[in-house]
Every structure is written in structure tokens, then in C-alpha cells.
Amino acid sequence: MYSLFGGYTTSLLGTYTFLAASTPPHQRTSRIALLHVCSTVGWVAGTMASPGIFHSWGYSGTFITSLAFASTGLALTSLLLTEPP
């Protein structure tokens, strides 16, 4: 489903669009840079942690951990994200 709707490219397009619409022009570059750093750190941390999780808990542990992080991200986004003025 993820790739069917555009995957990572569409996700970043929506995120950058929201940042551009909700931040003042003088803060826009630093906010986009912070987003890029956080997403890169998360990507690397997930890639480095996944072999240990797989060896400890197998496929189900990997998928449950991924589901837990995705659900937490969705919950935080829906609770903390507000409509831009």
C-alpha cells in the first residue's frame, strides 16, 4: 500500500509542504534542515537496530517493532499536529 500511493517521495512532499505553509519564511530553512536530519538519523538508527531485533525475536519481532513505531508516530502526529493559521 505504501508504494501504491507514492511511498517515501510523496511522504516527504507532504511533509515539506506542511512545513512551508506553517512556518514563517525566516525559519523555513532551519525547520526543513531539522526535519531532514531527524529523518536521516531515524533511517540509520532503524537500519542498525533491525539485525539485533531480528536475531532476538525473528520476523514477528521486526514487524511488531516497526508497527509500534509507526503507530506511535501516527498517534503523536494526530495529537500534536495542528492546522496552520
N, C-alpha and C. Protein backbone atom coordinates (compact mmCIF):
# COMPACT_ATOMS: atom_id res chain seq x y z
N MET A 1 0.82 -1.18 0.00
CA MET A 1 0.00 0.00 0.00
C MET A 1 0.87 1.26 0.00
N TYR A 2 1.96 1.20 0.74
CA TYR A 2 2.83 2.37 0.86
C TYR A 2 3.34 2.81 -0.51
N SER A 3 3.85 1.87 -1.30
CA SER A 3 4.38 2.21 -2.62
C SER A 3 3.28 2.54 -3.61
N LEU A 4 2.10 1.98 -3.41
CA LEU A 4 0.98 2.24 -4.30
C LEU A 4 0.58 3.72 -4.28
N PHE A 5 0.75 4.36 -3.13
CA PHE A 5 0.37 5.77 -3.00
C PHE A 5 1.55 6.73 -3.07
N GLY A 6 2.69 6.30 -3.56
CA GLY A 6 3.80 7.21 -3.79
C GLY A 6 5.00 6.99 -2.92
N GLY A 7 4.86 6.26 -1.84
CA GLY A 7 5.99 5.92 -0.99
C GLY A 7 6.65 7.11 -0.31
N TYR A 8 7.95 7.00 -0.16
CA TYR A 8 8.73 7.98 0.59
C TYR A 8 8.70 9.36 -0.07
N THR A 9 8.68 9.40 -1.39
CA THR A 9 8.66 10.68 -2.11
C THR A 9 7.40 11.47 -1.79
N THR A 10 6.27 10.82 -1.83
CA THR A 10 5.01 11.50 -1.53
C THR A 10 4.94 11.91 -0.07
N SER A 11 5.48 11.07 0.80
CA SER A 11 5.51 11.40 2.23
C SER A 11 6.33 12.66 2.48
N LEU A 12 7.50 12.74 1.88
CA LEU A 12 8.34 13.93 2.06
C LEU A 12 7.72 15.16 1.41
N LEU A 13 7.07 14.99 0.28
CA LEU A 13 6.42 16.11 -0.39
C LEU A 13 5.33 16.71 0.52
N GLY A 14 4.53 15.86 1.12
CA GLY A 14 3.50 16.35 2.04
C GLY A 14 4.10 17.01 3.27
N THR A 15 5.16 16.43 3.81
CA THR A 15 5.80 16.98 5.00
C THR A 15 6.44 18.34 4.71
N TYR A 16 7.16 18.44 3.61
CA TYR A 16 7.79 19.72 3.25
C TYR A 16 6.73 20.77 2.93
N THR A 17 5.64 20.37 2.31
CA THR A 17 4.57 21.32 2.02
C THR A 17 3.96 21.85 3.30
N PHE A 18 3.72 20.98 4.27
CA PHE A 18 3.18 21.43 5.55
C PHE A 18 4.15 22.37 6.24
N LEU A 19 5.44 22.04 6.24
CA LEU A 19 6.43 22.92 6.86
C LEU A 19 6.48 24.28 6.17
N ALA A 20 6.40 24.29 4.87
CA ALA A 20 6.45 25.56 4.14
C ALA A 20 5.21 26.40 4.43
N ALA A 21 4.08 25.76 4.63
CA ALA A 21 2.84 26.51 4.89
C ALA A 21 2.70 26.96 6.33
N SER A 22 3.38 26.28 7.26
CA SER A 22 3.15 26.57 8.67
C SER A 22 4.30 27.29 9.37
N THR A 23 5.38 27.59 8.68
CA THR A 23 6.49 28.30 9.32
C THR A 23 6.72 29.64 8.65
N PRO A 24 7.17 30.62 9.42
CA PRO A 24 7.50 31.91 8.81
C PRO A 24 8.72 31.77 7.90
N PRO A 25 8.84 32.63 6.90
CA PRO A 25 9.94 32.49 5.93
C PRO A 25 11.34 32.49 6.55
N HIS A 26 11.55 33.23 7.63
CA HIS A 26 12.89 33.29 8.21
C HIS A 26 13.26 32.02 8.99
N GLN A 27 12.29 31.14 9.30
CA GLN A 27 12.59 29.90 9.99
C GLN A 27 12.47 28.67 9.09
N ARG A 28 12.05 28.86 7.88
CA ARG A 28 11.73 27.74 7.00
C ARG A 28 12.94 26.84 6.72
N THR A 29 14.06 27.42 6.41
CA THR A 29 15.24 26.63 6.07
C THR A 29 15.71 25.80 7.25
N SER A 30 15.73 26.38 8.44
CA SER A 30 16.20 25.62 9.60
C SER A 30 15.22 24.50 9.97
N ARG A 31 13.93 24.72 9.81
CA ARG A 31 12.96 23.67 10.10
C ARG A 31 13.07 22.51 9.11
N ILE A 32 13.25 22.82 7.84
CA ILE A 32 13.40 21.76 6.83
C ILE A 32 14.71 21.01 7.06
N ALA A 33 15.77 21.73 7.43
CA ALA A 33 17.05 21.06 7.73
C ALA A 33 16.91 20.14 8.94
N LEU A 34 16.19 20.58 9.98
CA LEU A 34 15.98 19.76 11.16
C LEU A 34 15.17 18.51 10.82
N LEU A 35 14.15 18.66 9.99
CA LEU A 35 13.37 17.51 9.55
C LEU A 35 14.25 16.51 8.80
N HIS A 36 15.09 17.03 7.93
CA HIS A 36 15.96 16.16 7.13
C HIS A 36 16.96 15.41 8.01
N VAL A 37 17.53 16.10 8.99
CA VAL A 37 18.47 15.46 9.92
C VAL A 37 17.76 14.38 10.73
N CYS A 38 16.57 14.70 11.26
CA CYS A 38 15.85 13.71 12.08
C CYS A 38 15.45 12.49 11.26
N SER A 39 15.00 12.68 10.04
CA SER A 39 14.61 11.53 9.24
C SER A 39 15.83 10.69 8.85
N THR A 40 16.96 11.32 8.60
CA THR A 40 18.17 10.57 8.28
C THR A 40 18.68 9.79 9.49
N VAL A 41 18.66 10.41 10.65
CA VAL A 41 19.09 9.72 11.87
C VAL A 41 18.16 8.54 12.17
N GLY A 42 16.86 8.73 11.99
CA GLY A 42 15.92 7.64 12.21
C GLY A 42 16.13 6.50 11.24
N TRP A 43 16.41 6.83 10.00
CA TRP A 43 16.66 5.80 8.97
C TRP A 43 17.89 4.98 9.34
N VAL A 44 18.96 5.65 9.72
CA VAL A 44 20.20 4.96 10.08
C VAL A 44 20.02 4.15 11.36
N ALA A 45 19.35 4.73 12.36
CA ALA A 45 19.14 4.00 13.62
C ALA A 45 18.30 2.76 13.41
N GLY A 46 17.27 2.86 12.59
CA GLY A 46 16.44 1.70 12.29
C GLY A 46 17.19 0.62 11.55
N THR A 47 18.03 1.03 10.60
CA THR A 47 18.83 0.07 9.85
C THR A 47 19.84 -0.63 10.75
N MET A 48 20.40 0.10 11.70
CA MET A 48 21.39 -0.50 12.59
C MET A 48 20.74 -1.38 13.66
N ALA A 49 19.53 -1.05 14.09
CA ALA A 49 18.86 -1.82 15.14
C ALA A 49 18.16 -3.07 14.62
N SER A 50 17.79 -3.08 13.34
CA SER A 50 16.98 -4.18 12.83
C SER A 50 17.65 -5.56 12.87
N PRO A 51 18.97 -5.69 12.62
CA PRO A 51 19.55 -7.05 12.73
C PRO A 51 19.47 -7.62 14.15
N GLY A 52 19.69 -6.78 15.14
CA GLY A 52 19.60 -7.26 16.53
C GLY A 52 18.19 -7.67 16.89
N ILE A 53 17.22 -6.89 16.45
CA ILE A 53 15.83 -7.23 16.72
C ILE A 53 15.46 -8.53 16.00
N PHE A 54 15.90 -8.67 14.76
CA PHE A 54 15.60 -9.88 14.00
C PHE A 54 16.23 -11.12 14.64
N HIS A 55 17.47 -11.01 15.07
CA HIS A 55 18.14 -12.17 15.67
C HIS A 55 17.54 -12.52 17.03
N SER A 56 17.02 -11.54 17.75
CA SER A 56 16.42 -11.82 19.06
C SER A 56 15.00 -12.35 18.94
N TRP A 57 14.18 -11.74 18.08
CA TRP A 57 12.74 -12.05 18.04
C TRP A 57 12.24 -12.55 16.70
N GLY A 58 13.09 -12.59 15.69
CA GLY A 58 12.67 -13.09 14.38
C GLY A 58 11.83 -12.09 13.61
N TYR A 59 11.12 -12.61 12.60
CA TYR A 59 10.32 -11.73 11.74
C TYR A 59 9.19 -11.04 12.51
N SER A 60 8.55 -11.79 13.41
CA SER A 60 7.43 -11.18 14.13
C SER A 60 7.90 -10.02 15.01
N GLY A 61 9.05 -10.15 15.63
CA GLY A 61 9.59 -9.05 16.43
C GLY A 61 9.91 -7.83 15.59
N THR A 62 10.45 -8.08 14.40
CA THR A 62 10.77 -6.98 13.50
C THR A 62 9.51 -6.24 13.07
N PHE A 63 8.47 -6.99 12.69
CA PHE A 63 7.24 -6.35 12.24
C PHE A 63 6.49 -5.69 13.39
N ILE A 64 6.49 -6.30 14.56
CA ILE A 64 5.80 -5.70 15.71
C ILE A 64 6.50 -4.42 16.14
N THR A 65 7.83 -4.43 16.14
CA THR A 65 8.58 -3.21 16.49
C THR A 65 8.31 -2.10 15.48
N SER A 66 8.31 -2.45 14.21
CA SER A 66 8.01 -1.47 13.16
C SER A 66 6.60 -0.93 13.31
N LEU A 67 5.65 -1.81 13.58
CA LEU A 67 4.26 -1.39 13.78
C LEU A 67 4.12 -0.49 14.99
N ALA A 68 4.84 -0.79 16.06
CA ALA A 68 4.78 0.03 17.26
C ALA A 68 5.31 1.44 16.99
N PHE A 69 6.43 1.54 16.29
CA PHE A 69 6.97 2.87 15.99
C PHE A 69 6.07 3.64 15.03
N ALA A 70 5.52 2.96 14.04
CA ALA A 70 4.62 3.62 13.09
C ALA A 70 3.34 4.08 13.79
N SER A 71 2.79 3.26 14.68
CA SER A 71 1.59 3.64 15.41
C SER A 71 1.85 4.81 16.36
N THR A 72 3.00 4.78 17.01
CA THR A 72 3.36 5.88 17.90
C THR A 72 3.52 7.18 17.11
N GLY A 73 4.16 7.10 15.96
CA GLY A 73 4.31 8.29 15.11
C GLY A 73 2.97 8.82 14.63
N LEU A 74 2.07 7.93 14.23
CA LEU A 74 0.75 8.35 13.79
C LEU A 74 -0.04 8.97 14.93
N ALA A 75 0.04 8.37 16.11
CA ALA A 75 -0.68 8.92 17.27
C ALA A 75 -0.15 10.30 17.65
N LEU A 76 1.18 10.44 17.69
CA LEU A 76 1.76 11.75 18.03
C LEU A 76 1.41 12.80 16.98
N THR A 77 1.44 12.40 15.72
CA THR A 77 1.10 13.33 14.65
C THR A 77 -0.35 13.77 14.76
N SER A 78 -1.25 12.85 14.99
CA SER A 78 -2.66 13.22 15.07
C SER A 78 -2.98 14.02 16.32
N LEU A 79 -2.23 13.83 17.39
CA LEU A 79 -2.49 14.58 18.62
C LEU A 79 -1.83 15.95 18.63
N LEU A 80 -0.63 16.04 18.11
CA LEU A 80 0.15 17.27 18.24
C LEU A 80 0.12 18.19 17.03
N LEU A 81 -0.23 17.68 15.87
CA LEU A 81 -0.20 18.48 14.66
C LEU A 81 -1.49 19.30 14.56
N THR A 82 -1.33 20.59 14.39
CA THR A 82 -2.48 21.47 14.27
C THR A 82 -2.52 22.08 12.87
N GLU A 83 -3.68 22.53 12.49
CA GLU A 83 -3.86 23.16 11.20
C GLU A 83 -3.14 24.51 11.18
N PRO A 84 -2.37 24.81 10.12
CA PRO A 84 -1.68 26.11 10.09
C PRO A 84 -2.69 27.24 10.00
N PRO A 85 -2.34 28.40 10.55
CA PRO A 85 -3.28 29.55 10.54
C PRO A 85 -3.54 30.08 9.14
